[in-house]
């Protein structure tokens, strides 16, 4: 009979030869761990549904190491029990138990993060914010710390006794952090933005959301500058999401032509050149709007869609270059303002080349003209 605990005793064959039994236990635990690894690899290779990005593949891949270590550690603890050495090696037992707990915590943290990434990458209606990944990590860390305290038999009564006062102190000291946490959760449930969306802040800063953390949101601008904004600020501010409800965005390119130009020809040229710009989407199709009769020109506006908000500057650049070339080929004038200054004598007989005499009044007027 071998004692493996305070309440249980089991009868193990070959108990009169403990070292042989220990060797068999250790060898069996190693073989079992290897068999599980081979079985998992076989299942992953045989099933066509378990691709490298599937949740099942991620699950098996992440639990592989902690499962092997748990089996080996279990074999070691069972061997110590056979040798009746557990009571004499409590530190070793606690170290091995702590190792297993930490490895499983690490695996669960990584599994939660990978699962969120897989779900977000899948084509479904669910999309989880990175703040849930951070919350999952914090929860597992708290559970792991609690288990380690139990394993090492740390008396937490004094900690619990002072928890009331400590919570008040922490609450006062972490008002901003708590506000940012609540703000991040509110942003997620309001579906204000997600990772990868292009947003515009109240102060005009514009960039793509790269991370939504517990405390703040990180934005990367087109100038490759990282902006960190507290979640509480974003929750109380007006945020423009240019990627919602769809990532495509309509751009507006103003076009001016001289009076007397055939507006139908202008529209045909603008719609035709859009076909040569790869950044312009075919659907919805581009449109040309005759906006108004300006002071010195006919004002048109080209409406077209691009696939991403960050494509707007490049698309406008391509359109403007092609408009300039096509209008030049079609002899369409792009007007520009000119200013003419004339000087007149008091008798209104002097030209602008006649020198002025003493006592003459000078009247100056400015006339704006548009010339091709």
Protein backbone atom coordinates (compact mmCIF):
# COMPACT_ATOMS: atom_id res chain seq x y z
CA UNK A 1 0.00 0.00 0.00
CA UNK A 2 1.33 3.43 -0.96
CA UNK A 3 0.11 6.64 0.62
CA UNK A 4 -0.45 9.38 -2.00
CA UNK A 5 -2.37 11.77 0.17
CA UNK A 6 -3.84 12.42 3.54
CA UNK A 7 -7.09 10.61 2.74
CA UNK A 8 -6.29 8.08 0.04
CA UNK A 9 -4.22 4.95 -0.24
CA UNK A 10 -3.90 2.81 -3.36
CA UNK A 11 -2.33 -0.54 -3.97
CA UNK A 12 0.36 -0.37 -6.65
CA UNK A 13 1.87 -3.48 -8.19
CA UNK A 14 5.63 -3.91 -7.80
CA UNK A 15 5.50 -1.73 -4.68
CA UNK A 16 8.27 -3.86 -3.26
CA UNK A 17 10.51 -2.61 -6.09
CA UNK A 18 9.94 1.15 -5.96
CA UNK A 19 12.75 2.19 -8.32
CA UNK A 20 11.49 -0.11 -11.05
CA UNK A 21 8.01 1.29 -10.55
CA UNK A 22 9.33 4.87 -10.63
CA UNK A 23 11.20 4.20 -13.86
CA UNK A 24 8.04 2.73 -15.37
CA UNK A 25 5.97 5.73 -14.27
CA UNK A 26 8.43 8.26 -15.71
CA UNK A 27 8.80 6.32 -18.95
CA UNK A 28 5.03 5.95 -19.22
CA UNK A 29 4.45 9.68 -18.69
CA UNK A 30 6.97 10.57 -21.39
CA UNK A 31 5.47 8.05 -23.83
CA UNK A 32 1.97 9.29 -23.05
CA UNK A 33 2.94 12.89 -23.75
CA UNK A 34 4.58 11.90 -27.03
CA UNK A 35 1.56 9.82 -28.01
CA UNK A 36 -0.74 12.77 -27.42
CA UNK A 37 1.51 14.98 -29.55
CA UNK A 38 1.57 12.45 -32.39
CA UNK A 39 -2.20 11.99 -32.13
CA UNK A 40 -2.80 15.74 -32.28
CA UNK A 41 -0.52 16.12 -35.30
CA UNK A 42 -2.28 13.23 -37.00
CA UNK A 43 -5.72 14.75 -36.43
CA UNK A 44 -4.59 18.14 -37.70
CA UNK A 45 -3.15 16.59 -40.82
CA UNK A 46 -6.12 14.35 -41.55
CA UNK A 47 -8.98 16.79 -41.06
CA UNK A 48 -9.45 19.27 -43.95
CA UNK A 49 -11.57 21.50 -41.72
CA UNK A 50 -8.72 22.18 -39.31
CA UNK A 51 -6.69 24.69 -41.26
CA UNK A 52 -3.83 26.65 -39.71
CA UNK A 53 -6.19 29.55 -38.99
CA UNK A 54 -9.00 27.47 -37.48
CA UNK A 55 -9.82 27.65 -33.79
CA UNK A 56 -9.30 23.88 -33.38
CA UNK A 57 -5.79 24.10 -34.81
CA UNK A 58 -4.99 27.06 -32.54
CA UNK A 59 -6.37 25.21 -29.50
CA UNK A 60 -4.29 22.07 -30.06
CA UNK A 61 -1.19 24.08 -30.85
CA UNK A 62 -1.41 26.22 -27.71
CA UNK A 63 -2.15 23.46 -25.17
CA UNK A 64 0.58 21.16 -26.48
CA UNK A 65 3.42 22.38 -24.24
CA UNK A 66 1.48 22.74 -20.96
CA UNK A 67 -0.17 19.35 -21.52
CA UNK A 68 3.19 17.64 -21.99
CA UNK A 69 4.65 19.36 -18.94
CA UNK A 70 1.58 18.49 -16.86
CA UNK A 71 1.88 14.80 -17.76
CA UNK A 72 5.60 14.72 -16.98
CA UNK A 73 5.13 16.65 -13.72
CA UNK A 74 2.30 14.28 -12.80
CA UNK A 75 4.66 11.37 -13.38
CA UNK A 76 7.32 13.00 -11.19
CA UNK A 77 4.85 13.65 -8.36
CA UNK A 78 3.52 10.10 -8.60
CA UNK A 79 7.10 8.82 -8.45
CA UNK A 80 7.77 10.89 -5.34
CA UNK A 81 4.62 9.47 -3.84
CA UNK A 82 5.82 5.93 -4.56
CA UNK A 83 9.14 6.74 -2.93
CA UNK A 84 7.26 8.37 -0.02
CA UNK A 85 9.31 11.52 -0.51
CA UNK A 86 6.55 14.06 -1.02
CA UNK A 87 6.48 15.10 2.60
CA UNK A 88 10.25 15.56 2.59
CA UNK A 89 10.33 17.64 -0.62
CA UNK A 90 7.50 20.19 -0.26
CA UNK A 91 9.47 22.92 -2.01
CA UNK A 92 10.03 20.76 -5.09
CA UNK A 93 6.35 19.86 -5.19
CA UNK A 94 5.33 23.51 -4.96
CA UNK A 95 7.81 24.55 -7.63
CA UNK A 96 6.54 21.89 -10.03
CA UNK A 97 2.91 22.75 -9.28
CA UNK A 98 3.63 26.47 -9.81
CA UNK A 99 5.32 25.67 -13.12
CA UNK A 100 2.23 23.82 -14.33
CA UNK A 101 -0.08 26.66 -13.25
CA UNK A 102 2.05 29.32 -14.95
CA UNK A 103 2.30 27.33 -18.18
CA UNK A 104 -1.45 26.80 -18.34
CA UNK A 105 -2.04 30.48 -17.61
CA UNK A 106 0.31 31.44 -20.45
CA UNK A 107 -1.38 28.99 -22.80
CA UNK A 108 -4.87 30.26 -21.93
CA UNK A 109 -3.79 33.87 -22.41
CA UNK A 110 -2.35 33.09 -25.84
CA UNK A 111 -5.35 30.91 -26.69
CA UNK A 112 -7.77 33.72 -25.83
CA UNK A 113 -5.84 36.20 -27.93
CA UNK A 114 -5.57 33.82 -30.88
CA UNK A 115 -9.24 32.91 -30.62
CA UNK A 116 -10.23 36.59 -30.76
CA UNK A 117 -7.99 37.10 -33.81
CA UNK A 118 -9.44 34.06 -35.56
CA UNK A 119 -13.01 35.16 -34.87
CA UNK A 120 -12.27 38.69 -36.10
CA UNK A 121 -10.60 37.34 -39.24
CA UNK A 122 -13.56 35.06 -40.02
CA UNK A 123 -16.42 36.35 -42.12
CA UNK A 124 -19.09 36.66 -39.45
CA UNK A 125 -21.01 39.31 -37.58
CA UNK A 126 -18.90 39.18 -34.44
CA UNK A 127 -15.85 41.37 -33.97
CA UNK A 128 -14.11 41.62 -30.63
CA UNK A 129 -12.11 44.61 -29.54
CA UNK A 130 -8.53 44.14 -28.28
CA UNK A 131 -9.74 45.43 -24.92
CA UNK A 132 -11.31 42.00 -24.32
CA UNK A 133 -7.95 40.37 -24.93
CA UNK A 134 -6.47 42.60 -22.25
CA UNK A 135 -9.36 41.94 -19.87
CA UNK A 136 -8.96 38.18 -20.40
CA UNK A 137 -5.25 38.49 -19.59
CA UNK A 138 -5.91 40.41 -16.37
CA UNK A 139 -8.52 37.88 -15.23
CA UNK A 140 -6.18 34.94 -15.81
CA UNK A 141 -3.33 36.71 -14.03
CA UNK A 142 -5.54 37.26 -10.98
CA UNK A 143 -6.64 33.60 -10.98
CA UNK A 144 -3.02 32.45 -11.36
CA UNK A 145 -1.84 34.64 -8.50
CA UNK A 146 -4.60 33.25 -6.29
CA UNK A 147 -3.66 29.66 -7.13
CA UNK A 148 0.03 30.34 -6.48
CA UNK A 149 -0.84 31.81 -3.08
CA UNK A 150 -2.76 28.64 -2.25
CA UNK A 151 0.06 26.39 -3.47
CA UNK A 152 2.66 28.21 -1.40
CA UNK A 153 0.25 28.39 1.56
CA UNK A 154 0.46 32.15 1.88
CA UNK A 155 -1.93 33.51 4.47
CA UNK A 156 -4.11 36.05 2.70
CA UNK A 157 -6.23 36.92 5.74
CA UNK A 158 -4.35 40.18 6.40
CA UNK A 159 -4.74 41.10 2.74
CA UNK A 160 -8.48 40.48 2.85
CA UNK A 161 -8.79 42.42 6.10
CA UNK A 162 -7.21 45.47 4.56
CA UNK A 163 -8.97 45.05 1.21
CA UNK A 164 -11.65 47.59 2.13
CA UNK A 165 -9.24 50.38 2.88
CA UNK A 166 -7.01 49.37 0.00
CA UNK A 167 -9.90 49.44 -2.45
CA UNK A 168 -10.79 52.99 -1.41
CA UNK A 169 -7.20 54.14 -1.82
CA UNK A 170 -6.87 52.42 -5.18
CA UNK A 171 -10.20 53.81 -6.32
CA UNK A 172 -9.10 57.36 -5.59
CA UNK A 173 -5.69 56.85 -7.14
CA UNK A 174 -6.98 55.10 -10.25
CA UNK A 175 -9.93 57.28 -11.19
CA UNK A 176 -8.49 58.02 -14.62
CA UNK A 177 -7.59 54.38 -15.23
CA UNK A 178 -11.08 53.22 -14.28
CA UNK A 179 -12.61 55.94 -16.44
CA UNK A 180 -10.46 54.83 -19.39
CA UNK A 181 -11.44 51.19 -18.83
CA UNK A 182 -15.15 52.02 -18.77
CA UNK A 183 -14.67 54.33 -21.75
CA UNK A 184 -13.01 51.55 -23.76
CA UNK A 185 -15.83 49.13 -23.01
CA UNK A 186 -18.40 51.79 -23.94
CA UNK A 187 -16.62 52.46 -27.23
CA UNK A 188 -16.78 48.76 -28.07
CA UNK A 189 -20.47 48.32 -27.27
CA UNK A 190 -21.30 51.55 -29.11
CA UNK A 191 -19.34 50.16 -32.08
CA UNK A 192 -17.59 53.51 -32.48
CA UNK A 193 -14.57 52.01 -34.23
CA UNK A 194 -12.52 48.84 -34.53
CA UNK A 195 -8.90 48.04 -35.19
CA UNK A 196 -7.95 49.15 -38.69
CA UNK A 197 -10.62 51.84 -38.99
CA UNK A 198 -9.64 55.33 -40.11
CA UNK A 199 -10.94 57.93 -37.67
CA UNK A 200 -10.79 61.71 -37.40
CA UNK A 201 -10.56 63.28 -33.93
CA UNK A 202 -12.13 66.52 -32.83
CA UNK A 203 -8.85 68.41 -33.25
CA UNK A 204 -8.59 67.24 -36.87
CA UNK A 205 -5.98 64.50 -36.36
CA UNK A 206 -6.60 61.58 -38.69
CA UNK A 207 -5.22 58.07 -38.63
CA UNK A 208 -5.85 54.33 -38.49
CA UNK A 209 -6.63 52.59 -35.20
CA UNK A 210 -3.81 50.15 -34.46
CA UNK A 211 -4.69 49.08 -30.91
CA UNK A 212 -7.53 49.49 -28.44
CA UNK A 213 -6.08 48.99 -24.99
CA UNK A 214 -7.51 49.10 -21.50
CA UNK A 215 -6.28 52.64 -20.90
CA UNK A 216 -5.99 54.22 -24.33
CA UNK A 217 -6.40 53.86 -28.08
CA UNK A 218 -3.40 54.04 -30.41
CA UNK A 219 -3.73 55.78 -33.77
CA UNK A 220 -1.18 55.75 -36.60
CA UNK A 221 -1.29 58.77 -38.90
CA UNK A 222 -0.30 58.90 -42.57
CA UNK A 223 2.92 60.63 -41.49
CA UNK A 224 3.80 57.46 -39.52
CA UNK A 225 3.24 59.23 -36.20
CA UNK A 226 1.67 57.31 -33.32
CA UNK A 227 -0.99 59.14 -31.32
CA UNK A 228 -2.18 57.74 -27.99
CA UNK A 229 -5.58 59.00 -26.85
CA UNK A 230 -7.18 58.04 -23.50
CA UNK A 231 -10.39 56.07 -23.93
CA UNK A 232 -12.28 58.40 -21.58
CA UNK A 233 -11.48 61.33 -23.90
CA UNK A 234 -12.65 59.45 -26.99
CA UNK A 235 -15.80 58.33 -25.21
CA UNK A 236 -16.80 61.94 -24.51
CA UNK A 237 -15.63 63.44 -27.81
CA UNK A 238 -16.99 63.47 -31.33
CA UNK A 239 -15.14 60.88 -33.43
CA UNK A 240 -15.61 60.54 -37.20
CA UNK A 241 -15.18 56.97 -38.42
CA UNK A 242 -14.40 57.11 -42.14
CA UNK A 243 -14.38 53.31 -42.39
CA UNK A 244 -17.97 52.77 -41.24
CA UNK A 245 -20.34 51.39 -42.28
CA UNK A 246 -18.02 50.42 -45.17
CA UNK A 247 -14.34 51.08 -45.81
CA UNK A 248 -14.95 52.64 -49.20
CA UNK A 249 -15.18 56.41 -49.25
CA UNK A 250 -16.50 58.96 -51.72
CA UNK A 251 -14.07 61.67 -52.75
CA UNK A 252 -14.93 65.05 -54.26
CA UNK A 253 -12.60 66.65 -56.81
CA UNK A 254 -13.49 70.24 -57.86
CA UNK A 255 -13.09 71.08 -61.57
CA UNK A 256 -13.41 74.54 -63.17
CA UNK A 257 -13.73 75.39 -66.88
CA UNK A 258 -14.17 78.63 -68.74
CA UNK A 259 -17.57 80.00 -69.74
CA UNK A 260 -18.58 78.78 -73.17
CA UNK A 261 -17.29 75.23 -72.62
CA UNK A 262 -19.62 72.37 -73.56
CA UNK A 263 -20.68 70.88 -70.21
CA UNK A 264 -21.54 67.53 -71.79
CA UNK A 265 -18.02 67.24 -73.19
CA UNK A 266 -16.59 68.02 -69.76
CA UNK A 267 -18.72 65.32 -68.16
CA UNK A 268 -17.77 62.74 -70.80
CA UNK A 269 -14.05 63.44 -70.36
CA UNK A 270 -14.20 63.22 -66.58
CA UNK A 271 -16.10 59.93 -66.58
CA UNK A 272 -13.78 58.48 -69.19
CA UNK A 273 -10.58 59.34 -67.35
CA UNK A 274 -11.93 57.70 -64.18
CA UNK A 275 -11.66 54.38 -65.99
CA UNK A 276 -7.90 54.91 -66.23
CA UNK A 277 -7.45 55.48 -62.50
CA UNK A 278 -7.06 52.07 -60.78
CA UNK A 279 -7.91 53.47 -57.34
CA UNK A 280 -11.42 54.50 -58.48
CA UNK A 281 -14.08 51.84 -57.90
CA UNK A 282 -16.41 50.91 -60.73
CA UNK A 283 -19.33 50.47 -58.34
CA UNK A 284 -20.77 52.82 -57.25
CA UNK A 285 -20.01 54.51 -60.54
CA UNK A 286 -18.44 58.01 -60.63
CA UNK A 287 -20.68 61.05 -61.14
CA UNK A 288 -20.10 64.58 -62.41
CA UNK A 289 -22.07 67.37 -60.74
CA UNK A 290 -22.53 70.84 -62.28
CA UNK A 291 -22.31 72.77 -59.03
CA UNK A 292 -22.85 76.41 -59.97
CA UNK A 293 -22.06 79.36 -62.20
CA UNK A 294 -19.04 80.92 -60.58
CA UNK A 295 -17.85 84.53 -60.83
CA UNK A 296 -15.42 83.63 -63.55
CA UNK A 297 -15.88 79.93 -64.32
CA UNK A 298 -18.24 77.00 -64.49
CA UNK A 299 -17.84 74.92 -61.33
CA UNK A 300 -18.03 71.14 -61.61
CA UNK A 301 -17.36 68.45 -59.02
CA UNK A 302 -16.35 64.86 -59.69
CA UNK A 303 -17.72 62.31 -57.23
CA UNK A 304 -16.00 58.92 -57.14
CA UNK A 305 -15.43 56.11 -54.64
CA UNK A 306 -12.11 54.69 -53.44
CA UNK A 307 -11.62 51.42 -51.58
CA UNK A 308 -9.93 52.92 -48.49
CA UNK A 309 -9.98 56.41 -46.93
CA UNK A 310 -6.19 56.63 -47.14
CA UNK A 311 -6.43 56.26 -50.94
CA UNK A 312 -8.13 59.66 -51.30
CA UNK A 313 -4.99 61.83 -51.78
CA UNK A 314 -3.44 59.52 -54.39
CA UNK A 315 -6.73 59.17 -56.28
CA UNK A 316 -7.19 62.96 -56.37
CA UNK A 317 -3.60 63.33 -57.62
CA UNK A 318 -4.16 60.86 -60.47
CA UNK A 319 -7.43 62.53 -61.45
CA UNK A 320 -5.97 66.05 -61.47
CA UNK A 321 -3.04 64.98 -63.63
CA UNK A 322 -5.31 63.31 -66.17
CA UNK A 323 -7.76 66.23 -66.17
CA UNK A 324 -4.95 68.64 -67.01
CA UNK A 325 -3.72 66.45 -69.87
CA UNK A 326 -7.17 65.69 -71.31
CA UNK A 327 -8.38 69.28 -71.12
CA UNK A 328 -5.22 70.41 -72.90
CA UNK A 329 -5.80 67.88 -75.69
CA UNK A 330 -9.46 68.96 -76.00
CA UNK A 331 -8.62 72.71 -75.95
CA UNK A 332 -10.73 73.20 -72.85
CA UNK A 333 -9.63 76.28 -70.95
CA UNK A 334 -9.03 76.15 -67.23
CA UNK A 335 -9.57 79.78 -66.13
CA UNK A 336 -7.41 81.59 -63.64
CA UNK A 337 -7.86 85.08 -62.16
CA UNK A 338 -5.93 88.04 -63.58
CA UNK A 339 -5.73 91.56 -62.21
CA UNK A 340 -5.41 94.71 -64.36
CA UNK A 341 -4.53 98.10 -62.84
CA UNK A 342 -5.15 101.41 -64.69
CA UNK A 343 -4.36 104.98 -63.71
CA UNK A 344 -6.63 107.84 -64.90
CA UNK A 345 -6.11 111.61 -64.65
CA UNK A 346 -8.71 113.96 -63.31
CA UNK A 347 -9.80 114.84 -66.89
CA UNK A 348 -10.17 111.13 -67.75
CA UNK A 349 -8.00 111.75 -70.79
CA UNK A 350 -4.68 110.44 -69.60
CA UNK A 351 -3.54 106.97 -70.47
CA UNK A 352 -1.62 104.67 -68.17
CA UNK A 353 1.61 105.62 -70.01
CA UNK A 354 1.22 109.43 -69.68
CA UNK A 355 3.23 110.90 -66.79
CA UNK A 356 1.27 112.62 -64.05
CA UNK A 357 1.49 116.38 -63.43
CA UNK A 358 1.42 118.15 -60.11
CA UNK A 359 -2.07 118.60 -58.78
CA UNK A 360 -3.66 115.83 -60.84
CA UNK A 361 -6.10 113.53 -59.05
CA UNK A 362 -5.42 109.85 -59.47
CA UNK A 363 -8.27 107.32 -59.49
CA UNK A 364 -7.29 103.69 -59.16
CA UNK A 365 -9.54 100.77 -59.88
CA UNK A 366 -8.97 97.06 -60.07
CA UNK A 367 -10.81 94.84 -62.46
CA UNK A 368 -10.77 91.02 -62.12
CA UNK A 369 -10.85 89.16 -65.37
CA UNK A 370 -10.58 85.52 -66.29
CA UNK A 371 -8.56 84.79 -69.35
CA UNK A 372 -7.67 81.51 -70.90
